[in-house]
Structures are given as C-alpha cells and as structure tokens.
Protein backbone atom coordinates (compact mmCIF):
# COMPACT_ATOMS: atom_id res chain seq x y z
CA UNK A 1 22.16 -4.00 -3.84
CA UNK A 2 21.46 -7.73 -3.78
CA UNK A 3 22.80 -9.81 -0.91
CA UNK A 4 25.49 -12.31 -1.66
CA UNK A 5 27.53 -14.86 0.28
CA UNK A 6 26.04 -16.89 3.10
CA UNK A 7 22.46 -15.64 2.63
CA UNK A 8 20.23 -17.91 0.55
CA UNK A 9 17.86 -15.55 -1.28
CA UNK A 10 14.87 -17.88 -1.63
CA UNK A 11 14.98 -19.03 1.99
CA UNK A 12 15.46 -15.45 3.18
CA UNK A 13 12.57 -14.32 0.98
CA UNK A 14 10.20 -16.91 2.45
CA UNK A 15 11.10 -15.89 5.99
CA UNK A 16 10.90 -12.14 5.33
CA UNK A 17 7.64 -12.67 3.49
CA UNK A 18 6.21 -14.62 6.45
CA UNK A 19 7.09 -11.82 8.88
CA UNK A 20 5.70 -9.14 6.58
CA UNK A 21 2.52 -11.07 5.81
CA UNK A 22 1.67 -12.05 9.39
CA UNK A 23 2.32 -8.56 10.76
CA UNK A 24 0.32 -6.78 8.05
CA UNK A 25 -2.48 -9.35 8.35
CA UNK A 26 -2.65 -8.91 12.14
CA UNK A 27 -2.56 -5.11 11.93
CA UNK A 28 -5.24 -4.97 9.23
CA UNK A 29 -7.50 -7.27 11.27
CA UNK A 30 -7.02 -5.03 14.30
CA UNK A 31 -7.94 -1.95 12.28
CA UNK A 32 -11.23 -3.53 11.26
CA UNK A 33 -11.92 -4.62 14.84
CA UNK A 34 -11.33 -1.07 16.09
CA UNK A 35 -13.62 0.32 13.38
CA UNK A 36 -16.36 -2.13 14.37
CA UNK A 37 -15.95 -1.10 18.03
CA UNK A 38 -16.19 2.57 17.06
CA UNK A 39 -19.34 1.97 15.02
CA UNK A 40 -20.90 0.00 17.90
CA UNK A 41 -20.22 2.95 20.22
CA UNK A 42 -21.73 5.43 17.71
CA UNK A 43 -18.45 7.25 17.12
CA UNK A 44 -18.95 9.66 14.23
CA UNK A 45 -17.21 9.25 10.90
CA UNK A 46 -15.62 12.67 11.36
CA UNK A 47 -13.88 11.55 14.57
CA UNK A 48 -12.72 8.30 12.98
CA UNK A 49 -11.39 10.23 10.01
CA UNK A 50 -9.52 12.61 12.30
CA UNK A 51 -7.86 9.73 14.16
CA UNK A 52 -6.86 8.11 10.87
CA UNK A 53 -5.43 11.39 9.59
CA UNK A 54 -3.36 11.98 12.75
CA UNK A 55 -1.97 8.44 12.82
CA UNK A 56 -1.17 8.56 9.10
CA UNK A 57 0.66 11.87 9.52
CA UNK A 58 2.71 10.61 12.46
CA UNK A 59 3.64 7.42 10.64
CA UNK A 60 4.48 9.37 7.49
CA UNK A 61 7.12 11.29 9.45
CA UNK A 62 8.44 8.19 11.25
CA UNK A 63 8.78 6.24 7.98
CA UNK A 64 11.98 8.07 7.06
CA UNK A 65 13.50 7.32 10.47
CA UNK A 66 12.47 3.66 10.14
CA UNK A 67 14.36 3.54 6.85
CA UNK A 68 17.44 4.95 8.54
CA UNK A 69 17.12 2.34 11.29
CA UNK A 70 16.96 -0.37 8.62
CA UNK A 71 20.22 0.94 7.15
CA UNK A 72 21.97 0.35 10.48
CA UNK A 73 20.31 -2.81 11.81
CA UNK A 74 18.50 -4.58 8.97
CA UNK A 75 14.94 -5.97 8.91
CA UNK A 76 14.98 -8.22 12.00
CA UNK A 77 14.84 -5.47 14.70
CA UNK A 78 12.10 -3.64 12.78
CA UNK A 79 9.99 -6.79 12.61
CA UNK A 80 10.44 -7.38 16.34
CA UNK A 81 9.38 -3.80 17.09
CA UNK A 82 6.37 -4.24 14.81
CA UNK A 83 5.38 -7.42 16.65
CA UNK A 84 5.59 -5.61 20.01
CA UNK A 85 3.45 -2.73 18.70
CA UNK A 86 0.87 -5.12 17.28
CA UNK A 87 0.74 -7.20 20.47
CA UNK A 88 0.22 -4.09 22.59
CA UNK A 89 -2.50 -2.91 20.19
CA UNK A 90 -4.26 -6.29 20.48
CA UNK A 91 -4.31 -6.01 24.27
CA UNK A 92 -5.67 -2.47 24.09
CA UNK A 93 -8.32 -3.56 21.58
CA UNK A 94 -9.88 -5.77 24.24
CA UNK A 95 -10.64 -2.64 26.30
CA UNK A 96 -13.96 -1.13 25.28
CA UNK A 97 -12.84 2.44 25.96
CA UNK A 98 -11.97 5.47 23.83
CA UNK A 99 -8.38 6.22 24.94
CA UNK A 100 -7.15 2.60 24.67
CA UNK A 101 -8.77 2.42 21.23
CA UNK A 102 -6.94 5.58 20.11
CA UNK A 103 -3.63 4.17 21.32
CA UNK A 104 -4.39 0.83 19.66
CA UNK A 105 -5.06 2.52 16.31
CA UNK A 106 -1.76 4.41 16.50
CA UNK A 107 0.10 1.20 17.31
CA UNK A 108 -1.50 -0.69 14.42
CA UNK A 109 -0.49 2.11 12.06
CA UNK A 110 3.08 1.90 13.37
CA UNK A 111 2.99 -1.89 12.91
CA UNK A 112 2.09 -1.49 9.24
CA UNK A 113 4.77 1.17 8.77
CA UNK A 114 7.54 -0.90 10.38
CA UNK A 115 6.51 -4.16 8.70
CA UNK A 116 6.30 -2.49 5.27
CA UNK A 117 9.72 -0.90 5.67
CA UNK A 118 11.33 -4.17 6.76
CA UNK A 119 9.47 -6.24 4.16
CA UNK A 120 9.97 -4.13 1.07
CA UNK A 121 13.53 -3.06 1.91
CA UNK A 122 14.58 -6.55 2.93
CA UNK A 123 13.01 -8.40 0.01
CA UNK A 124 14.07 -5.72 -2.46
CA UNK A 125 17.70 -6.17 -1.42
CA UNK A 126 17.70 -9.94 -1.96
CA UNK A 127 17.19 -10.19 -5.72
CA UNK A 128 18.14 -8.75 -9.04
CA UNK A 129 15.68 -6.67 -11.08
CA UNK A 130 13.60 -9.48 -12.64
CA UNK A 131 13.13 -11.46 -9.42
CA UNK A 132 12.36 -8.24 -7.59
CA UNK A 133 9.39 -7.47 -9.86
CA UNK A 134 8.04 -10.98 -9.30
CA UNK A 135 8.53 -10.77 -5.52
CA UNK A 136 6.80 -7.42 -5.16
CA UNK A 137 3.96 -8.70 -7.34
CA UNK A 138 3.45 -11.65 -5.01
CA UNK A 139 3.37 -9.29 -2.03
CA UNK A 140 0.76 -7.15 -3.78
CA UNK A 141 -1.20 -10.29 -4.71
CA UNK A 142 -1.45 -11.42 -1.08
CA UNK A 143 -2.43 -7.93 0.07
CA UNK A 144 -5.28 -7.87 -2.43
CA UNK A 145 -6.47 -11.33 -1.41
CA UNK A 146 -6.45 -10.22 2.23
CA UNK A 147 -8.65 -7.25 1.39
CA UNK A 148 -11.24 -9.67 0.00
CA UNK A 149 -11.22 -12.20 2.84
CA UNK A 150 -10.41 -10.24 6.01
CA UNK A 151 -13.63 -8.15 6.20
CA UNK A 152 -15.74 -11.32 5.86
CA UNK A 153 -13.84 -13.30 8.51
CA UNK A 154 -13.45 -10.47 11.04
CA UNK A 155 -17.04 -9.27 10.75
CA UNK A 156 -18.33 -12.82 11.36
CA UNK A 157 -16.01 -13.38 14.33
CA UNK A 158 -16.74 -9.94 15.81
CA UNK A 159 -20.48 -10.52 15.65
CA UNK A 160 -20.23 -13.71 17.70
CA UNK A 161 -17.22 -13.30 20.01
CA UNK A 162 -15.79 -9.74 19.93
CA UNK A 163 -13.03 -10.67 22.40
CA UNK A 164 -11.67 -13.60 20.39
CA UNK A 165 -9.93 -11.92 17.37
CA UNK A 166 -7.74 -9.61 19.52
CA UNK A 167 -6.72 -12.55 21.69
CA UNK A 168 -5.77 -14.64 18.63
CA UNK A 169 -3.81 -11.71 17.19
CA UNK A 170 -1.99 -11.25 20.51
CA UNK A 171 -0.99 -14.90 20.45
CA UNK A 172 0.31 -14.58 16.88
CA UNK A 173 2.35 -11.51 17.86
CA UNK A 174 3.94 -13.46 20.69
CA UNK A 175 5.05 -16.15 18.23
CA UNK A 176 6.38 -13.85 15.47
CA UNK A 177 9.66 -12.91 17.25
CA UNK A 178 10.48 -16.62 17.51
CA UNK A 179 10.17 -17.21 13.76
CA UNK A 180 13.50 -17.53 11.90
CA UNK A 181 14.70 -14.15 10.71
CA UNK A 182 15.06 -13.80 6.97
CA UNK A 183 18.23 -11.76 7.42
CA UNK A 184 19.75 -11.67 10.89
CA UNK A 185 21.42 -8.55 12.21
CA UNK A 186 24.82 -10.25 12.02
CA UNK A 187 24.24 -11.33 8.39
CA UNK A 188 23.06 -7.86 7.49
CA UNK A 189 26.08 -6.13 8.98
CA UNK A 190 28.46 -8.71 7.47
CA UNK A 191 27.40 -7.60 3.98
CA UNK A 192 29.01 -4.19 4.47
CA UNK A 193 25.94 -2.18 3.53
CA UNK A 194 26.41 1.19 1.89
CA UNK A 195 25.88 4.06 4.27
CA UNK A 196 22.93 6.22 3.36
CA UNK A 197 23.58 9.72 2.11
CA UNK A 198 22.28 12.80 3.86
CA UNK A 199 18.53 13.19 3.55
CA UNK A 200 18.78 16.41 1.50
CA UNK A 201 21.16 14.72 -0.95
CA UNK A 202 18.71 11.87 -1.44
CA UNK A 203 15.79 14.26 -1.89
CA UNK A 204 17.79 16.14 -4.53
CA UNK A 205 18.48 12.89 -6.34
CA UNK A 206 14.79 12.02 -6.17
CA UNK A 207 13.57 15.31 -7.63
CA UNK A 208 16.22 15.23 -10.37
CA UNK A 209 15.28 11.74 -11.57
CA UNK A 210 12.28 11.46 -13.87
CA UNK A 211 12.08 7.68 -13.33
CA UNK A 212 12.00 7.99 -9.53
CA UNK A 213 9.47 10.83 -9.66
CA UNK A 214 7.24 8.73 -11.91
CA UNK A 215 7.51 5.62 -9.76
CA UNK A 216 6.90 7.32 -6.41
CA UNK A 217 4.13 9.72 -7.44
CA UNK A 218 2.26 7.11 -9.51
CA UNK A 219 2.43 4.57 -6.70
CA UNK A 220 1.31 6.97 -3.98
CA UNK A 221 -1.43 8.59 -6.08
CA UNK A 222 -3.00 5.35 -7.28
CA UNK A 223 -2.74 3.89 -3.77
CA UNK A 224 -4.79 6.83 -2.49
CA UNK A 225 -7.35 6.47 -5.30
CA UNK A 226 -7.84 2.75 -4.64
CA UNK A 227 -8.28 3.46 -0.93
CA UNK A 228 -11.40 5.57 -1.62
CA UNK A 229 -12.88 3.04 -4.05
CA UNK A 230 -14.69 1.43 -1.11
CA UNK A 231 -16.63 4.66 -0.62
CA UNK A 232 -16.98 5.92 -4.18
CA UNK A 233 -18.18 2.66 -5.75
CA UNK A 234 -21.16 2.19 -3.36
CA UNK A 235 -22.17 5.87 -3.53
CA UNK A 236 -21.93 5.88 -7.32
CA UNK A 237 -23.91 2.65 -7.47
CA UNK A 238 -26.66 4.15 -5.33
CA UNK A 239 -27.14 6.85 -7.94
CA UNK A 240 -27.61 4.15 -10.57
CA UNK A 241 -30.26 2.41 -8.49
CA UNK A 242 -28.23 -0.76 -7.97
CA UNK A 243 -29.05 -3.28 -5.25
CA UNK A 244 -26.83 -4.08 -2.27
CA UNK A 245 -25.91 -7.40 -3.87
CA UNK A 246 -24.81 -5.67 -7.05
CA UNK A 247 -22.72 -3.18 -5.05
CA UNK A 248 -21.00 -6.10 -3.31
CA UNK A 249 -20.31 -7.68 -6.69
CA UNK A 250 -18.74 -4.44 -7.92
CA UNK A 251 -16.45 -4.23 -4.89
CA UNK A 252 -15.49 -7.87 -5.35
CA UNK A 253 -14.81 -7.28 -9.05
CA UNK A 254 -12.50 -4.39 -8.20
CA UNK A 255 -10.54 -6.50 -5.70
CA UNK A 256 -10.41 -9.57 -7.97
CA UNK A 257 -9.15 -7.52 -10.93
CA UNK A 258 -6.30 -6.22 -8.77
CA UNK A 259 -5.53 -9.80 -7.73
CA UNK A 260 -5.44 -10.81 -11.40
CA UNK A 261 -3.09 -7.92 -12.22
CA UNK A 262 -0.65 -8.87 -9.45
CA UNK A 263 -0.77 -12.54 -10.43
CA UNK A 264 -0.09 -11.77 -14.10
CA UNK A 265 2.87 -9.55 -13.23
CA UNK A 266 4.33 -12.17 -10.88
CA UNK A 267 4.13 -14.78 -13.65
CA UNK A 268 5.63 -12.59 -16.38
CA UNK A 269 8.01 -10.07 -14.80
CA UNK A 270 10.01 -7.81 -17.11
CA UNK A 271 12.41 -5.32 -15.52
CA UNK A 272 13.66 -3.89 -18.82
CA UNK A 273 10.49 -1.92 -19.57
CA UNK A 274 9.37 -0.84 -16.10
CA UNK A 275 8.63 2.77 -17.07
CA UNK A 276 6.77 1.70 -20.19
CA UNK A 277 4.69 -0.79 -18.22
CA UNK A 278 3.98 1.88 -15.61
CA UNK A 279 2.80 4.31 -18.30
CA UNK A 280 0.62 1.70 -20.02
CA UNK A 281 -0.97 0.63 -16.71
CA UNK A 282 -1.81 4.25 -15.88
CA UNK A 283 -3.29 4.80 -19.34
CA UNK A 284 -5.37 1.61 -19.16
CA UNK A 285 -6.73 2.43 -15.71
CA UNK A 286 -7.29 6.09 -16.55
CA UNK A 287 -9.13 5.45 -19.83
CA UNK A 288 -11.37 2.83 -18.20
CA UNK A 289 -12.16 4.96 -15.14
CA UNK A 290 -12.94 8.02 -17.26
CA UNK A 291 -16.06 6.18 -18.44
CA UNK A 292 -17.56 6.18 -14.91
CA UNK A 293 -19.67 9.24 -15.62
CA UNK A 294 -21.14 7.55 -18.71
CA UNK A 295 -22.07 4.28 -16.97
CA UNK A 296 -25.85 3.84 -16.95
CA UNK A 297 -26.31 0.41 -15.40
CA UNK A 298 -24.72 -2.50 -13.60
CA UNK A 299 -22.80 -4.07 -16.48
CA UNK A 300 -21.37 -0.83 -17.85
CA UNK A 301 -20.20 0.20 -14.36
CA UNK A 302 -18.84 -3.32 -13.79
CA UNK A 303 -16.66 -2.94 -16.89
CA UNK A 304 -15.38 0.43 -15.64
CA UNK A 305 -14.54 -0.94 -12.19
CA UNK A 306 -12.95 -4.20 -13.36
CA UNK A 307 -10.75 -2.76 -16.12
CA UNK A 308 -9.62 0.24 -14.07
CA UNK A 309 -8.91 -2.06 -11.12
CA UNK A 310 -6.76 -4.27 -13.33
CA UNK A 311 -4.77 -1.35 -14.72
CA UNK A 312 -4.25 0.35 -11.37
CA UNK A 313 -3.54 -3.01 -9.69
CA UNK A 314 -0.28 -3.19 -11.68
CA UNK A 315 1.00 0.08 -10.25
CA UNK A 316 2.08 -0.96 -6.74
CA UNK A 317 4.66 -3.65 -7.69
CA UNK A 318 5.86 -1.64 -10.70
CA UNK A 319 6.31 1.46 -8.53
CA UNK A 320 8.42 -0.32 -5.90
CA UNK A 321 10.46 -2.10 -8.57
CA UNK A 322 11.16 1.23 -10.29
CA UNK A 323 12.52 2.70 -7.06
CA UNK A 324 14.94 -0.18 -6.48
CA UNK A 325 16.07 -0.23 -10.10
CA UNK A 326 16.72 3.50 -10.57
CA UNK A 327 17.69 4.71 -7.09
CA UNK A 328 21.40 4.65 -6.15
CA UNK A 329 22.25 2.09 -3.47
CA UNK A 330 22.98 4.78 -0.88
CA UNK A 331 19.67 6.58 -1.57
CA UNK A 332 17.18 3.74 -1.96
CA UNK A 333 16.29 3.65 1.76
CA UNK A 334 15.17 7.26 1.97
CA UNK A 335 13.33 7.07 -1.35
CA UNK A 336 11.40 3.95 -0.29
CA UNK A 337 10.62 5.77 2.96
CA UNK A 338 9.44 8.76 0.95
CA UNK A 339 7.16 6.48 -1.09
CA UNK A 340 5.60 4.96 2.05
CA UNK A 341 5.30 8.43 3.60
CA UNK A 342 3.51 9.77 0.51
CA UNK A 343 1.16 6.76 0.67
CA UNK A 344 -0.11 8.04 4.02
CA UNK A 345 -0.24 11.71 3.07
CA UNK A 346 -1.88 11.14 -0.32
CA UNK A 347 -4.55 8.97 1.30
CA UNK A 348 -5.40 11.83 3.66
CA UNK A 349 -5.51 14.38 0.85
CA UNK A 350 -7.60 12.13 -1.38
CA UNK A 351 -10.10 11.52 1.41
CA UNK A 352 -10.41 15.25 2.12
CA UNK A 353 -10.79 16.04 -1.58
CA UNK A 354 -13.42 13.33 -1.98
CA UNK A 355 -15.37 14.60 1.04
CA UNK A 356 -15.30 18.20 -0.21
CA UNK A 357 -16.17 17.39 -3.82
CA UNK A 358 -18.71 14.58 -3.46
CA UNK A 359 -20.30 16.17 -0.42
CA UNK A 360 -20.60 19.53 -2.11
CA UNK A 361 -20.78 19.99 -5.87
CA UNK A 362 -19.97 16.68 -7.59
CA UNK A 363 -21.43 13.19 -7.90
CA UNK A 364 -19.31 10.13 -7.21
CA UNK A 365 -19.14 9.08 -10.91
CA UNK A 366 -18.07 12.59 -11.83
CA UNK A 367 -15.35 12.50 -9.16
CA UNK A 368 -14.06 9.18 -10.50
CA UNK A 369 -13.99 10.58 -14.02
CA UNK A 370 -12.21 13.71 -12.81
CA UNK A 371 -9.58 11.59 -11.04
CA UNK A 372 -9.14 9.53 -14.22
CA UNK A 373 -8.66 12.66 -16.33
CA UNK A 374 -5.99 13.92 -13.92
CA UNK A 375 -4.18 10.57 -14.24
CA UNK A 376 -4.39 10.71 -18.04
CA UNK A 377 -3.28 14.34 -18.32
CA UNK A 378 -0.27 13.79 -16.05
CA UNK A 379 0.70 10.54 -17.78
CA UNK A 380 0.37 11.87 -21.31
CA UNK A 381 1.97 15.19 -20.37
CA UNK A 382 4.97 13.43 -18.85
CA UNK A 383 5.29 11.15 -21.88
CA UNK A 384 5.22 14.07 -24.33
CA UNK A 385 7.71 16.04 -22.23
CA UNK A 386 10.14 13.10 -22.19
CA UNK A 387 9.84 12.77 -25.99
CA UNK A 388 10.57 16.48 -26.42
CA UNK A 389 13.55 16.32 -24.08
CA UNK A 390 15.07 13.42 -26.00
CA UNK A 391 14.85 15.38 -29.25
CA UNK A 392 16.38 18.53 -27.80
CA UNK A 393 20.10 19.07 -28.52
CA UNK A 394 22.38 18.38 -25.56
C-alpha cells in the first residue's frame, strides 16, 4: 500500500535510501575487515564458513520478527537499531581477538538484516508499481557498484592502517540516527497501516500463489548462485590456464554486467509484465551459464560470465517488485521477510553444495553448467505447467 497524505514520496525515498545505503555500506565494509583480520590470524576457511552459516541462520529466523516490528513501528526504529548494531560491531572490530570478532560478525549480519527490512519495506510502500520497479533497480544498482569498489578501498586501507576503517565506520554510525527519517514513527502510524495476518495464513497465501512462489524462489536462488561466483569463476579460470589479471577481468565483467542490468531496469521499468520479465531473465542467464563447461579460453568464458551476469542481475529488483505487486497488503511484510530469510538459507545451502560437488566429483565449469540446467528446467517446467493450467477447464 502506497503512502498518501503528508508524506512526500520522493523526499521520503531519498532519506530511506540514504539510511539503507549507509548502513549496508558500513556493514559490508566491516565484513571485509573481519575477513582480513581472520586471514591475518590464519583462521581456517572451515571456521569462517561455520561462523557465516550460524550468523545467517540466526538472522534468517529474526528476519520474520523484524518484519513484524516494521508493521508496528515503521522503518525509523529499525534503522536506529541497525546503526547501534553496526556501531558496536565497529568497536569490536578494533579488538584483535577471536570472541569480539565473532560478536562483531553477528552484529554486522543483524545490521544488514534490519537495514534491508527497513529499506525494502519502507521504499516499497512509498510508490505505485512502476516507480517501485525503478526504485528497487536503483537499490540493486548501488549494491552492485559497492561490490566493485569496496574490496579495493578496504583492502588498501587495511594494508596501511588497519585501525582506521572501523573508526570511520563507528563515526558514520553515530551520525546515522541524526539523519532525517524518511518516514517517522508518527507519520507511519498516522497512515493506519493494515495489521498483518497470522504467520500461517501468510505462508498459506504464499504457497498458493504461483507469482509469489516464482518471485521469492527465483530471487533467493539466484542470489545464492551469484554469491558463489567469486569462488567458482577463479577456480574455473584456473582450469583454463588463465592469468590472475584475466581472472580479475572476469570478476569485474560479472559485476559490471549486473550493474548494467540494474541500470537498464531503472531506466525502463515495466510493472505490467513482471512475471514475463522474470522468466526471460532466468532463461537468458541460464542459457548463457550453461555454456560454462564448453568454454575453452578467456573470451569464451568472458561471454558466459558477462551474459549470465546481465540476465541474473535483473532478478533481484524484479523479485522484490513481484512480491509487492502480488502479495496482499496484510501479507507483504511476512513474505518480504520470507524472501530475505531464504536469501540467507539458500546462500548456506549453495555454499555447502558447491563445496561437496567441486571438492569431490565435479569441476567448477561443470558445477556452473549444472546450476544453469537446474534454472532452465525449473523455469521451463513452470512455464509449461502454467500454460497447461490455463487450458484446463475450470
């Protein structure tokens, strides 16, 4: 439901976007700092993976409760809580010890969870369908740009002054609560928001809606696949005998193609064909990625990475827009929470599957092709099933 009355949507969007962007930027920087600290202390990848899995599981459960809190209080309290979590994590990140680092990682994960809930729910409630697609695309665009620039900036700063980035982040977190709220608690409550239904009712609505199932599962699954690109692309490139420079170019091409996808969608939003766009993006990414096993050099693998990155880069904004368009007003909170929860869980499952397959019986290109075939089979199977259902007598 879009806000009306005293709230100015564009001004509220800029303020909500600023809170979301600064909090996610600070939390992502802290995650990289903590990873660099762990590597410097020779912490094994298995231990780091275990910590990530635990934090993701905890945040997956808390996401639903954060959505319920949004229903009662709006985005402002969630953003303030996120700023407190991030500030505490920044202080702990200055301690070069294991237990403070574990606590800091958990707090950064909670920061991302709270900021995402407040940002997507708040911005999604401001606009109608067309503006919503454009807004979510801009959020995805900035996230992709961050993923290109943050590792470069943080790695350079960490190498010279490891103490400086956490201190800067702590200062930013102190300032965030003083920024103008996009939607104050009083404005939120004055709108007479629809009370959320019982969780089981909302889950039943989710599982009975083909559009919501498609939006949530596609978004979570592709999010998990893109998260392991940073591992699969270098390992696949090593098998092709590519240089480190070429591997870096491939990773940059993947990120830049996702940026291009988000930018294109923000410039030409179309809410009337969301499910068709979602299907076409999955087919484009799946067909391109299925050629990974046939790539025999740098340029052929570059084409696979760039085209699949473009196709899959469209999924995130389309997925969130689908949820807001097809979910009832009193169910949208829990379904957005379910989407963010599945993001965490699917990332864990994808990482475990990748470790078992690539570490045991499959090469990285073969794993990418297998993932692409699963995407294609599910997409085509769902499309055929919907065509059959439409032709069946009522």
